[in-house]
């Protein structure tokens, strides 16, 4: 059964009904999102009951009379309770999963910090990688920076020169020459304790002007001693070019690291540079 509503409502009634609808919507601003949602739909249903449209069954018209009808509110309140009962544990579950991921990430970072690890770098942008050299300070020595990325000290760090090449051609290899950390005159310069986040500089090759104004090359060993043949200075007799130094780094409780460094000798101390290749 449907109510006959062929005759339109007076404009005053229409305005009053619309006003009730708007007032109810404005009142929802006081509520939370869930309560506002309920009040809004109560207003819609109440307005339908007030205007009595022809397509609305008579039973529903009486059901939805006025925005203060308690049945729509009970219906949506019940729906809200069910929604919260289901969604709250689910949200807690998602929060737990997120927290587990965060803890795992923190644990990985903590393990990385606890594990001793040597960090090797060499670049012209690092101040300690190129320093004054020679008695008169007219030369330059090229170095490698060694750091400890862990929080505990690394003991017995040694750096051994394995090979020297020029433009891809091997000049020297076969012997293991231990290089020296600065200050090279200290007793521990060949076997260094590396503290956390403190830069230590390893000598690799020094260049200075000799007595006959020729360039002299010195190994980065203790007291610049070279115990094998050919003589270290003779390895650079061909002059300018790209020289590669292969160095192995070992320390207590750490994996051995082997790195290659490129020494670009241009014939000029100001433009000569050394870089970490790999």
C-alpha atoms as a PDB file:
ATOM      1  CA  UNK A   1       0.000   0.000   0.000  1.00  0.00           C
ATOM      2  CA  UNK A   2       1.290   3.449  -0.924  1.00  0.00           C
ATOM      3  CA  UNK A   3       0.115   6.831   0.231  1.00  0.00           C
ATOM      4  CA  UNK A   4      -1.535   8.991  -2.392  1.00  0.00           C
ATOM      5  CA  UNK A   5       0.612  12.101  -2.667  1.00  0.00           C
ATOM      6  CA  UNK A   6      -0.398  13.475  -6.039  1.00  0.00           C
ATOM      7  CA  UNK A   7      -1.027  16.894  -4.496  1.00  0.00           C
ATOM      8  CA  UNK A   8       2.226  18.701  -3.824  1.00  0.00           C
ATOM      9  CA  UNK A   9       2.985  19.922  -0.340  1.00  0.00           C
ATOM     10  CA  UNK A  10       2.693  23.649   0.307  1.00  0.00           C
ATOM     11  CA  UNK A  11       5.892  25.563  -0.163  1.00  0.00           C
ATOM     12  CA  UNK A  12       5.930  26.451   3.515  1.00  0.00           C
ATOM     13  CA  UNK A  13       5.887  22.747   4.405  1.00  0.00           C
ATOM     14  CA  UNK A  14       8.622  22.018   1.902  1.00  0.00           C
ATOM     15  CA  UNK A  15      10.766  24.816   3.310  1.00  0.00           C
ATOM     16  CA  UNK A  16      10.098  23.626   6.857  1.00  0.00           C
ATOM     17  CA  UNK A  17      11.054  20.063   5.970  1.00  0.00           C
ATOM     18  CA  UNK A  18      14.215  21.184   4.221  1.00  0.00           C
ATOM     19  CA  UNK A  19      15.039  23.383   7.183  1.00  0.00           C
ATOM     20  CA  UNK A  20      14.695  20.460   9.574  1.00  0.00           C
ATOM     21  CA  UNK A  21      17.017  18.441   7.368  1.00  0.00           C
ATOM     22  CA  UNK A  22      19.668  21.193   7.265  1.00  0.00           C
ATOM     23  CA  UNK A  23      19.470  21.850  10.998  1.00  0.00           C
ATOM     24  CA  UNK A  24      19.991  18.182  11.726  1.00  0.00           C
ATOM     25  CA  UNK A  25      22.990  18.065   9.387  1.00  0.00           C
ATOM     26  CA  UNK A  26      24.494  21.112  11.102  1.00  0.00           C
ATOM     27  CA  UNK A  27      24.024  19.464  14.480  1.00  0.00           C
ATOM     28  CA  UNK A  28      26.124  16.518  13.316  1.00  0.00           C
ATOM     29  CA  UNK A  29      29.169  18.785  13.400  1.00  0.00           C
ATOM     30  CA  UNK A  30      29.172  18.309  17.154  1.00  0.00           C
ATOM     31  CA  UNK A  31      29.551  14.554  16.861  1.00  0.00           C
ATOM     32  CA  UNK A  32      32.366  12.208  16.057  1.00  0.00           C
ATOM     33  CA  UNK A  33      32.584  10.815  12.536  1.00  0.00           C
ATOM     34  CA  UNK A  34      30.571   7.730  13.461  1.00  0.00           C
ATOM     35  CA  UNK A  35      27.859   9.700  15.318  1.00  0.00           C
ATOM     36  CA  UNK A  36      27.715  12.271  12.532  1.00  0.00           C
ATOM     37  CA  UNK A  37      27.225   9.474  10.011  1.00  0.00           C
ATOM     38  CA  UNK A  38      24.312   8.122  12.064  1.00  0.00           C
ATOM     39  CA  UNK A  39      22.711  11.544  12.543  1.00  0.00           C
ATOM     40  CA  UNK A  40      23.036  12.333   8.848  1.00  0.00           C
ATOM     41  CA  UNK A  41      21.201   9.195   7.770  1.00  0.00           C
ATOM     42  CA  UNK A  42      18.612   9.752  10.475  1.00  0.00           C
ATOM     43  CA  UNK A  43      18.019  13.199   8.989  1.00  0.00           C
ATOM     44  CA  UNK A  44      17.670  11.752   5.491  1.00  0.00           C
ATOM     45  CA  UNK A  45      15.188   9.120   6.627  1.00  0.00           C
ATOM     46  CA  UNK A  46      13.298  11.634   8.746  1.00  0.00           C
ATOM     47  CA  UNK A  47      13.016  13.995   5.792  1.00  0.00           C
ATOM     48  CA  UNK A  48      11.662  11.188   3.606  1.00  0.00           C
ATOM     49  CA  UNK A  49       9.061  10.514   6.269  1.00  0.00           C
ATOM     50  CA  UNK A  50       8.127  14.207   6.417  1.00  0.00           C
ATOM     51  CA  UNK A  51       7.665  14.711   2.663  1.00  0.00           C
ATOM     52  CA  UNK A  52       5.827  11.390   2.214  1.00  0.00           C
ATOM     53  CA  UNK A  53       6.940  10.654  -1.387  1.00  0.00           C
ATOM     54  CA  UNK A  54       4.580   8.492  -3.431  1.00  0.00           C
ATOM     55  CA  UNK A  55       7.177   5.744  -3.907  1.00  0.00           C
ATOM     56  CA  UNK A  56       7.606   5.241  -0.135  1.00  0.00           C
ATOM     57  CA  UNK A  57       5.381   2.527   1.457  1.00  0.00           C
ATOM     58  CA  UNK A  58       2.954   3.783   4.094  1.00  0.00           C
ATOM     59  CA  UNK A  59       4.517   1.576   6.770  1.00  0.00           C
ATOM     60  CA  UNK A  60       7.915   3.138   6.177  1.00  0.00           C
ATOM     61  CA  UNK A  61       6.472   6.646   6.282  1.00  0.00           C
ATOM     62  CA  UNK A  62       5.250   6.099   9.816  1.00  0.00           C
ATOM     63  CA  UNK A  63       8.562   4.420  10.618  1.00  0.00           C
ATOM     64  CA  UNK A  64      10.571   7.405   9.430  1.00  0.00           C
ATOM     65  CA  UNK A  65       8.395  10.220  10.808  1.00  0.00           C
ATOM     66  CA  UNK A  66      10.617  13.075  11.999  1.00  0.00           C
ATOM     67  CA  UNK A  67      14.356  13.286  12.513  1.00  0.00           C
ATOM     68  CA  UNK A  68      13.896  12.255  16.139  1.00  0.00           C
ATOM     69  CA  UNK A  69      12.735   8.783  15.185  1.00  0.00           C
ATOM     70  CA  UNK A  70      14.589   6.430  17.534  1.00  0.00           C
ATOM     71  CA  UNK A  71      14.413   3.311  15.360  1.00  0.00           C
ATOM     72  CA  UNK A  72      16.843   4.569  12.635  1.00  0.00           C
ATOM     73  CA  UNK A  73      19.223   5.683  15.332  1.00  0.00           C
ATOM     74  CA  UNK A  74      19.065   2.291  17.019  1.00  0.00           C
ATOM     75  CA  UNK A  75      19.683   0.606  13.668  1.00  0.00           C
ATOM     76  CA  UNK A  76      22.764   2.654  12.818  1.00  0.00           C
ATOM     77  CA  UNK A  77      24.053   2.586  16.387  1.00  0.00           C
ATOM     78  CA  UNK A  78      23.900  -1.205  16.312  1.00  0.00           C
ATOM     79  CA  UNK A  79      25.732  -1.199  12.989  1.00  0.00           C
ATOM     80  CA  UNK A  80      28.370   1.080  14.474  1.00  0.00           C
ATOM     81  CA  UNK A  81      28.861  -1.201  17.488  1.00  0.00           C
ATOM     82  CA  UNK A  82      29.300  -4.202  15.197  1.00  0.00           C
ATOM     83  CA  UNK A  83      31.735  -2.260  13.015  1.00  0.00           C
ATOM     84  CA  UNK A  84      33.821  -1.187  15.996  1.00  0.00           C
ATOM     85  CA  UNK A  85      33.774  -4.676  17.494  1.00  0.00           C
ATOM     86  CA  UNK A  86      35.170  -6.097  14.257  1.00  0.00           C
ATOM     87  CA  UNK A  87      37.490  -3.284  13.193  1.00  0.00           C
ATOM     88  CA  UNK A  88      39.164  -2.579  16.534  1.00  0.00           C
ATOM     89  CA  UNK A  89      40.854  -5.997  16.874  1.00  0.00           C
ATOM     90  CA  UNK A  90      41.801  -5.813  13.214  1.00  0.00           C
ATOM     91  CA  UNK A  91      43.410  -2.400  13.715  1.00  0.00           C
ATOM     92  CA  UNK A  92      45.242  -3.733  16.762  1.00  0.00           C
ATOM     93  CA  UNK A  93      46.459  -6.658  14.657  1.00  0.00           C
ATOM     94  CA  UNK A  94      47.736  -4.296  11.949  1.00  0.00           C
ATOM     95  CA  UNK A  95      49.473  -2.161  14.569  1.00  0.00           C
ATOM     96  CA  UNK A  96      51.183  -5.251  15.962  1.00  0.00           C
ATOM     97  CA  UNK A  97      52.424  -6.241  12.508  1.00  0.00           C
ATOM     98  CA  UNK A  98      53.769  -2.730  11.929  1.00  0.00           C
ATOM     99  CA  UNK A  99      55.527  -2.754  15.288  1.00  0.00           C
ATOM    100  CA  UNK A 100      57.093  -6.134  14.531  1.00  0.00           C
ATOM    101  CA  UNK A 101      58.478  -4.745  11.260  1.00  0.00           C
ATOM    102  CA  UNK A 102      59.893  -1.735  13.117  1.00  0.00           C
ATOM    103  CA  UNK A 103      61.556  -3.938  15.724  1.00  0.00           C
ATOM    104  CA  UNK A 104      63.055  -6.176  13.037  1.00  0.00           C
ATOM    105  CA  UNK A 105      64.495  -3.114  11.275  1.00  0.00           C
ATOM    106  CA  UNK A 106      65.929  -1.864  14.574  1.00  0.00           C
ATOM    107  CA  UNK A 107      67.386  -5.289  15.264  1.00  0.00           C
ATOM    108  CA  UNK A 108      69.103  -5.321  11.871  1.00  0.00           C
ATOM    109  CA  UNK A 109      70.554  -1.862  12.563  1.00  0.00           C
ATOM    110  CA  UNK A 110      71.678  -2.987  16.014  1.00  0.00           C
ATOM    111  CA  UNK A 111      73.346  -6.099  14.629  1.00  0.00           C
ATOM    112  CA  UNK A 112      75.145  -3.977  12.036  1.00  0.00           C
ATOM    113  CA  UNK A 113      76.377  -1.651  14.772  1.00  0.00           C
ATOM    114  CA  UNK A 114      77.536  -4.521  16.977  1.00  0.00           C
ATOM    115  CA  UNK A 115      79.329  -6.332  14.170  1.00  0.00           C
ATOM    116  CA  UNK A 116      82.873  -4.984  13.587  1.00  0.00           C
ATOM    117  CA  UNK A 117      83.315  -3.774  10.040  1.00  0.00           C
ATOM    118  CA  UNK A 118      86.065  -1.819   8.295  1.00  0.00           C
ATOM    119  CA  UNK A 119      84.967   1.041   6.060  1.00  0.00           C
ATOM    120  CA  UNK A 120      87.556   1.986   3.425  1.00  0.00           C
ATOM    121  CA  UNK A 121      87.469   5.212   1.415  1.00  0.00           C
ATOM    122  CA  UNK A 122      89.787   7.375  -0.663  1.00  0.00           C
ATOM    123  CA  UNK A 123      88.942  10.577  -2.505  1.00  0.00           C
ATOM    124  CA  UNK A 124      90.465  14.023  -3.181  1.00  0.00           C
ATOM    125  CA  UNK A 125      87.500  15.457  -1.268  1.00  0.00           C
ATOM    126  CA  UNK A 126      88.735  13.781   1.957  1.00  0.00           C
ATOM    127  CA  UNK A 127      91.293  16.099   3.542  1.00  0.00           C
ATOM    128  CA  UNK A 128      93.448  13.371   5.093  1.00  0.00           C
ATOM    129  CA  UNK A 129      93.867  11.467   1.829  1.00  0.00           C
ATOM    130  CA  UNK A 130      96.453  13.964   0.549  1.00  0.00           C
ATOM    131  CA  UNK A 131      98.958  15.585   2.892  1.00  0.00           C
ATOM    132  CA  UNK A 132     102.337  17.286   2.964  1.00  0.00           C
ATOM    133  CA  UNK A 133     105.373  15.039   2.645  1.00  0.00           C
ATOM    134  CA  UNK A 134     109.167  15.241   2.813  1.00  0.00           C
ATOM    135  CA  UNK A 135     111.617  17.042   5.075  1.00  0.00           C
ATOM    136  CA  UNK A 136     110.953  20.399   3.469  1.00  0.00           C
ATOM    137  CA  UNK A 137     107.249  19.752   3.038  1.00  0.00           C
ATOM    138  CA  UNK A 138     107.545  20.199  -0.717  1.00  0.00           C
ATOM    139  CA  UNK A 139     106.054  16.800  -1.506  1.00  0.00           C
ATOM    140  CA  UNK A 140     102.698  15.065  -1.099  1.00  0.00           C
ATOM    141  CA  UNK A 141     101.730  11.696   0.303  1.00  0.00           C
ATOM    142  CA  UNK A 142      98.572   9.946  -0.828  1.00  0.00           C
ATOM    143  CA  UNK A 143      96.595   7.991   1.749  1.00  0.00           C
ATOM    144  CA  UNK A 144      93.573   5.793   2.333  1.00  0.00           C
ATOM    145  CA  UNK A 145      91.035   6.516   5.065  1.00  0.00           C
ATOM    146  CA  UNK A 146      90.067   3.575   7.300  1.00  0.00           C
ATOM    147  CA  UNK A 147      87.103   3.717   9.691  1.00  0.00           C
ATOM    148  CA  UNK A 148      85.278   1.342  11.990  1.00  0.00           C
ATOM    149  CA  UNK A 149      81.518   1.404  11.365  1.00  0.00           C
ATOM    150  CA  UNK A 150      80.804  -0.743  14.458  1.00  0.00           C
ATOM    151  CA  UNK A 151      80.605   0.459  18.052  1.00  0.00           C
ATOM    152  CA  UNK A 152      83.407  -1.781  19.347  1.00  0.00           C
ATOM    153  CA  UNK A 153      87.112  -1.434  18.623  1.00  0.00           C
ATOM    154  CA  UNK A 154      88.728  -3.473  15.864  1.00  0.00           C
ATOM    155  CA  UNK A 155      92.105  -4.888  16.828  1.00  0.00           C
ATOM    156  CA  UNK A 156      95.154  -5.850  14.777  1.00  0.00           C
ATOM    157  CA  UNK A 157      94.213  -4.046  11.587  1.00  0.00           C
ATOM    158  CA  UNK A 158      96.834  -4.538   8.887  1.00  0.00           C
ATOM    159  CA  UNK A 159      97.069  -3.324   5.301  1.00  0.00           C
ATOM    160  CA  UNK A 160      99.167  -5.298   2.827  1.00  0.00           C
ATOM    161  CA  UNK A 161     100.153  -4.093  -0.642  1.00  0.00           C
ATOM    162  CA  UNK A 162      99.627  -6.941  -3.119  1.00  0.00           C
ATOM    163  CA  UNK A 163     100.109  -5.481  -6.581  1.00  0.00           C
ATOM    164  CA  UNK A 164     101.002  -2.333  -8.545  1.00  0.00           C
ATOM    165  CA  UNK A 165      99.893  -1.788 -12.156  1.00  0.00           C
ATOM    166  CA  UNK A 166     100.119   1.008 -14.691  1.00  0.00           C
ATOM    167  CA  UNK A 167      97.500   1.433 -17.387  1.00  0.00           C
ATOM    168  CA  UNK A 168      96.506  -2.217 -16.898  1.00  0.00           C
ATOM    169  CA  UNK A 169     100.082  -3.577 -17.084  1.00  0.00           C
ATOM    170  CA  UNK A 170     101.461  -5.277 -13.958  1.00  0.00           C
ATOM    171  CA  UNK A 171     104.602  -3.595 -12.610  1.00  0.00           C
ATOM    172  CA  UNK A 172     105.050  -5.455  -9.333  1.00  0.00           C
ATOM    173  CA  UNK A 173     103.461  -8.322  -7.383  1.00  0.00           C
ATOM    174  CA  UNK A 174     104.358 -11.534  -5.593  1.00  0.00           C
ATOM    175  CA  UNK A 175     105.514 -10.134  -2.250  1.00  0.00           C
ATOM    176  CA  UNK A 176     103.300  -8.867   0.534  1.00  0.00           C
ATOM    177  CA  UNK A 177     104.449  -5.455   1.749  1.00  0.00           C
ATOM    178  CA  UNK A 178     102.849  -4.124   4.936  1.00  0.00           C
ATOM    179  CA  UNK A 179     101.888  -0.444   4.741  1.00  0.00           C
ATOM    180  CA  UNK A 180     101.930   1.963   7.682  1.00  0.00           C
ATOM    181  CA  UNK A 181      99.214   3.972   9.370  1.00  0.00           C
ATOM    182  CA  UNK A 182      99.924   7.518  10.424  1.00  0.00           C
ATOM    183  CA  UNK A 183     101.852   8.477  12.458  1.00  0.00           C
ATOM    184  CA  UNK A 184     104.177   5.941  10.832  1.00  0.00           C
ATOM    185  CA  UNK A 185     106.888   6.346  13.488  1.00  0.00           C
ATOM    186  CA  UNK A 186     104.659   4.852  16.222  1.00  0.00           C
ATOM    187  CA  UNK A 187     105.194   1.181  17.188  1.00  0.00           C
ATOM    188  CA  UNK A 188     101.618   0.244  16.242  1.00  0.00           C
ATOM    189  CA  UNK A 189     101.691   1.832  12.771  1.00  0.00           C
ATOM    190  CA  UNK A 190     101.686  -1.585  11.056  1.00  0.00           C
ATOM    191  CA  UNK A 191      99.121  -3.210  13.355  1.00  0.00           C
ATOM    192  CA  UNK A 192      96.514  -0.644  14.356  1.00  0.00           C
ATOM    193  CA  UNK A 193      93.588  -0.618  16.755  1.00  0.00           C
ATOM    194  CA  UNK A 194      90.663   1.056  14.956  1.00  0.00           C
ATOM    195  CA  UNK A 195      88.209   2.826  17.258  1.00  0.00           C
ATOM    196  CA  UNK A 196      84.595   3.581  16.425  1.00  0.00           C
ATOM    197  CA  UNK A 197      84.050   6.377  13.893  1.00  0.00           C
ATOM    198  CA  UNK A 198      87.612   7.735  14.129  1.00  0.00           C
ATOM    199  CA  UNK A 199      89.456   8.216  10.810  1.00  0.00           C
ATOM    200  CA  UNK A 200      92.821   6.493  10.465  1.00  0.00           C
ATOM    201  CA  UNK A 201      95.015   7.239   7.463  1.00  0.00           C
ATOM    202  CA  UNK A 202      97.145   4.661   5.707  1.00  0.00           C
ATOM    203  CA  UNK A 203     100.144   5.783   3.644  1.00  0.00           C
ATOM    204  CA  UNK A 204     100.233   4.394   0.098  1.00  0.00           C
ATOM    205  CA  UNK A 205     102.620   6.445  -2.034  1.00  0.00           C
ATOM    206  CA  UNK A 206     104.608   9.624  -1.442  1.00  0.00           C
ATOM    207  CA  UNK A 207     106.053  11.981  -4.060  1.00  0.00           C
ATOM    208  CA  UNK A 208     108.724  14.620  -3.450  1.00  0.00           C
ATOM    209  CA  UNK A 209     111.254  16.646  -5.383  1.00  0.00           C
ATOM    210  CA  UNK A 210     114.727  15.067  -5.366  1.00  0.00           C
ATOM    211  CA  UNK A 211     118.114  16.752  -5.228  1.00  0.00           C
ATOM    212  CA  UNK A 212     118.347  16.853  -9.019  1.00  0.00           C
ATOM    213  CA  UNK A 213     114.841  18.341  -9.277  1.00  0.00           C
ATOM    214  CA  UNK A 214     113.469  14.968 -10.395  1.00  0.00           C
ATOM    215  CA  UNK A 215     110.430  13.379  -8.812  1.00  0.00           C
ATOM    216  CA  UNK A 216     111.101  10.739  -6.187  1.00  0.00           C
ATOM    217  CA  UNK A 217     108.473   8.170  -5.249  1.00  0.00           C
ATOM    218  CA  UNK A 218     108.352   6.627  -1.783  1.00  0.00           C
ATOM    219  CA  UNK A 219     106.318   3.625  -0.596  1.00  0.00           C
ATOM    220  CA  UNK A 220     103.818   4.078   2.233  1.00  0.00           C
ATOM    221  CA  UNK A 221     105.705   1.639   4.463  1.00  0.00           C
ATOM    222  CA  UNK A 222     107.258   2.203   7.884  1.00  0.00           C
ATOM    223  CA  UNK A 223     110.191   4.594   7.363  1.00  0.00           C
ATOM    224  CA  UNK A 224     109.374   4.249   3.633  1.00  0.00           C
ATOM    225  CA  UNK A 225     111.460   1.102   3.442  1.00  0.00           C
ATOM    226  CA  UNK A 226     111.047  -1.104   0.317  1.00  0.00           C
ATOM    227  CA  UNK A 227     112.489  -4.590   0.933  1.00  0.00           C
ATOM    228  CA  UNK A 228     112.166  -6.047  -2.559  1.00  0.00           C
ATOM    229  CA  UNK A 229     113.092  -5.511  -6.206  1.00  0.00           C
ATOM    230  CA  UNK A 230     112.706  -3.636  -8.410  1.00  0.00           C
ATOM    231  CA  UNK A 231     113.254  -0.481  -6.397  1.00  0.00           C
ATOM    232  CA  UNK A 232     110.031   1.337  -5.669  1.00  0.00           C
ATOM    233  CA  UNK A 233     111.132   4.529  -7.414  1.00  0.00           C
ATOM    234  CA  UNK A 234     111.953   2.559 -10.581  1.00  0.00           C
ATOM    235  CA  UNK A 235     108.313   1.470 -10.895  1.00  0.00           C
ATOM    236  CA  UNK A 236     107.415   5.056 -11.828  1.00  0.00           C
ATOM    237  CA  UNK A 237     110.273   5.755 -14.237  1.00  0.00           C
ATOM    238  CA  UNK A 238     107.909   5.902 -17.209  1.00  0.00           C
ATOM    239  CA  UNK A 239     106.363   9.036 -15.767  1.00  0.00           C
ATOM    240  CA  UNK A 240     102.751  10.135 -15.959  1.00  0.00           C
ATOM    241  CA  UNK A 241      99.907   7.647 -16.109  1.00  0.00           C
ATOM    242  CA  UNK A 242      97.259   5.813 -14.125  1.00  0.00           C
ATOM    243  CA  UNK A 243      98.743   3.548 -11.468  1.00  0.00           C
ATOM    244  CA  UNK A 244      96.645   0.966  -9.627  1.00  0.00           C
ATOM    245  CA  UNK A 245      97.439  -0.231  -6.090  1.00  0.00           C
ATOM    246  CA  UNK A 246      95.759  -3.404  -4.821  1.00  0.00           C
ATOM    247  CA  UNK A 247      95.660  -3.511  -1.010  1.00  0.00           C
ATOM    248  CA  UNK A 248      94.295  -6.163   1.341  1.00  0.00           C
ATOM    249  CA  UNK A 249      92.907  -5.166   4.762  1.00  0.00           C
ATOM    250  CA  UNK A 250      92.744  -7.692   7.602  1.00  0.00           C
ATOM    251  CA  UNK A 251      91.748  -7.379  11.261  1.00  0.00           C
ATOM    252  CA  UNK A 252      90.692  -9.472  14.218  1.00  0.00           C
ATOM    253  CA  UNK A 253      87.145 -10.891  13.967  1.00  0.00           C
ATOM    254  CA  UNK A 254      86.481  -9.243  10.594  1.00  0.00           C
ATOM    255  CA  UNK A 255      86.426 -10.468   7.028  1.00  0.00           C
ATOM    256  CA  UNK A 256      89.380  -9.653   4.782  1.00  0.00           C
ATOM    257  CA  UNK A 257      88.735  -6.753   2.424  1.00  0.00           C
ATOM    258  CA  UNK A 258      90.669  -6.230  -0.820  1.00  0.00           C
ATOM    259  CA  UNK A 259      90.450  -2.845  -2.528  1.00  0.00           C
ATOM    260  CA  UNK A 260      91.930  -1.251  -5.631  1.00  0.00           C
ATOM    261  CA  UNK A 261      93.034   2.385  -5.655  1.00  0.00           C
ATOM    262  CA  UNK A 262      93.917   4.439  -8.727  1.00  0.00           C
ATOM    263  CA  UNK A 263      96.777   6.906  -8.483  1.00  0.00           C
ATOM    264  CA  UNK A 264      96.577   9.463 -11.289  1.00  0.00           C
ATOM    265  CA  UNK A 265     100.079  10.865 -11.671  1.00  0.00           C
ATOM    266  CA  UNK A 266     100.016  13.919 -13.921  1.00  0.00           C
ATOM    267  CA  UNK A 267     103.581  15.098 -13.335  1.00  0.00           C
ATOM    268  CA  UNK A 268     102.277  17.838 -11.048  1.00  0.00           C
ATOM    269  CA  UNK A 269     101.641  17.546  -7.302  1.00  0.00           C
ATOM    270  CA  UNK A 270      98.705  19.938  -7.360  1.00  0.00           C
ATOM    271  CA  UNK A 271      96.686  17.929  -9.888  1.00  0.00           C
ATOM    272  CA  UNK A 272      97.770  14.397  -8.901  1.00  0.00           C
ATOM    273  CA  UNK A 273      94.995  12.428  -7.174  1.00  0.00           C
ATOM    274  CA  UNK A 274      94.165   9.028  -5.754  1.00  0.00           C
ATOM    275  CA  UNK A 275      90.699   7.406  -5.776  1.00  0.00           C
ATOM    276  CA  UNK A 276      89.058   4.249  -4.532  1.00  0.00           C
ATOM    277  CA  UNK A 277      88.135   2.156  -7.581  1.00  0.00           C
ATOM    278  CA  UNK A 278      86.493  -0.918  -6.078  1.00  0.00           C
END
